[in-house]
Amino acid sequence: MGLRAVLMAVFFVAGLALIIVGWKMTGQLLGLGLMIVGLILLLTALLFYNKIYEEPKR
């Protein structure tokens, strides 16, 4: 539980930071790339969060 919470926090903060930095780079392709990587990190944090609530497969 502790490792999962730390990973979620790290991915969330890093993803949000990359999105903000990429957003400030208006008109540059690198900014778009940073925002996409940030979005992937945010979705990964969401995946870790939702993993607890998954129903077991039969």
C-alpha atoms as a PDB file:
ATOM      1  CA  MET A   1       0.000   0.000   0.000  1.00  0.00           C
ATOM      2  CA  GLY A   2       2.799   2.443   0.830  1.00  0.00           C
ATOM      3  CA  LEU A   3       4.739   1.875  -2.376  1.00  0.00           C
ATOM      4  CA  ARG A   4       1.577   2.275  -4.449  1.00  0.00           C
ATOM      5  CA  ALA A   5       0.786   5.608  -2.769  1.00  0.00           C
ATOM      6  CA  VAL A   6       4.319   6.885  -3.344  1.00  0.00           C
ATOM      7  CA  LEU A   7       4.246   5.841  -6.996  1.00  0.00           C
ATOM      8  CA  MET A   8       0.869   7.502  -7.501  1.00  0.00           C
ATOM      9  CA  ALA A   9       2.129  10.727  -5.933  1.00  0.00           C
ATOM     10  CA  VAL A  10       5.337  10.729  -7.994  1.00  0.00           C
ATOM     11  CA  PHE A  11       3.525  10.028 -11.267  1.00  0.00           C
ATOM     12  CA  PHE A  12       0.869  12.647 -10.498  1.00  0.00           C
ATOM     13  CA  VAL A  13       3.325  15.419  -9.622  1.00  0.00           C
ATOM     14  CA  ALA A  14       5.680  14.606 -12.511  1.00  0.00           C
ATOM     15  CA  GLY A  15       2.787  14.394 -14.982  1.00  0.00           C
ATOM     16  CA  LEU A  16       1.293  17.681 -13.848  1.00  0.00           C
ATOM     17  CA  ALA A  17       4.696  19.383 -14.001  1.00  0.00           C
ATOM     18  CA  LEU A  18       5.330  18.127 -17.540  1.00  0.00           C
ATOM     19  CA  ILE A  19       1.919  19.304 -18.700  1.00  0.00           C
ATOM     20  CA  ILE A  20       2.471  22.778 -17.259  1.00  0.00           C
ATOM     21  CA  VAL A  21       5.990  23.070 -18.708  1.00  0.00           C
ATOM     22  CA  GLY A  22       4.787  21.825 -22.097  1.00  0.00           C
ATOM     23  CA  TRP A  23       1.858  24.230 -22.054  1.00  0.00           C
ATOM     24  CA  LYS A  24       4.231  27.178 -21.624  1.00  0.00           C
ATOM     25  CA  MET A  25       6.161  26.118 -24.744  1.00  0.00           C
ATOM     26  CA  THR A  26       3.544  27.459 -27.156  1.00  0.00           C
ATOM     27  CA  GLY A  27       4.238  26.708 -30.802  1.00  0.00           C
ATOM     28  CA  GLN A  28       7.005  24.178 -30.179  1.00  0.00           C
ATOM     29  CA  LEU A  29       6.715  20.494 -30.965  1.00  0.00           C
ATOM     30  CA  LEU A  30       8.723  19.623 -27.848  1.00  0.00           C
ATOM     31  CA  GLY A  31       5.991  21.228 -25.729  1.00  0.00           C
ATOM     32  CA  LEU A  32       3.391  18.928 -27.267  1.00  0.00           C
ATOM     33  CA  GLY A  33       5.633  15.935 -26.595  1.00  0.00           C
ATOM     34  CA  LEU A  34       6.065  16.938 -22.957  1.00  0.00           C
ATOM     35  CA  MET A  35       2.322  17.335 -22.525  1.00  0.00           C
ATOM     36  CA  ILE A  36       1.689  13.884 -24.025  1.00  0.00           C
ATOM     37  CA  VAL A  37       4.249  12.295 -21.684  1.00  0.00           C
ATOM     38  CA  GLY A  38       2.665  14.155 -18.776  1.00  0.00           C
ATOM     39  CA  LEU A  39      -0.758  12.859 -19.764  1.00  0.00           C
ATOM     40  CA  ILE A  40       0.586   9.306 -19.897  1.00  0.00           C
ATOM     41  CA  LEU A  41       2.008   9.726 -16.381  1.00  0.00           C
ATOM     42  CA  LEU A  42      -1.326  11.064 -15.082  1.00  0.00           C
ATOM     43  CA  LEU A  43      -3.177   8.133 -16.643  1.00  0.00           C
ATOM     44  CA  THR A  44      -0.661   5.737 -15.071  1.00  0.00           C
ATOM     45  CA  ALA A  45      -1.332   7.266 -11.658  1.00  0.00           C
ATOM     46  CA  LEU A  46      -5.055   6.791 -12.281  1.00  0.00           C
ATOM     47  CA  LEU A  47      -4.430   3.174 -13.263  1.00  0.00           C
ATOM     48  CA  PHE A  48      -2.587   2.542  -9.980  1.00  0.00           C
ATOM     49  CA  TYR A  49      -5.425   4.178  -8.048  1.00  0.00           C
ATOM     50  CA  ASN A  50      -8.140   2.136  -9.753  1.00  0.00           C
ATOM     51  CA  LYS A  51      -6.241  -1.156  -9.435  1.00  0.00           C
ATOM     52  CA  ILE A  52      -7.490  -1.483  -5.833  1.00  0.00           C
ATOM     53  CA  TYR A  53     -11.130  -1.440  -6.934  1.00  0.00           C
ATOM     54  CA  GLU A  54     -10.868  -4.003  -9.739  1.00  0.00           C
ATOM     55  CA  GLU A  55     -13.080  -7.043  -9.461  1.00  0.00           C
ATOM     56  CA  PRO A  56     -11.228 -10.348  -9.492  1.00  0.00           C
ATOM     57  CA  LYS A  57     -11.338 -12.229 -12.795  1.00  0.00           C
ATOM     58  CA  ARG A  58     -12.927 -15.668 -12.826  1.00  0.00           C
END
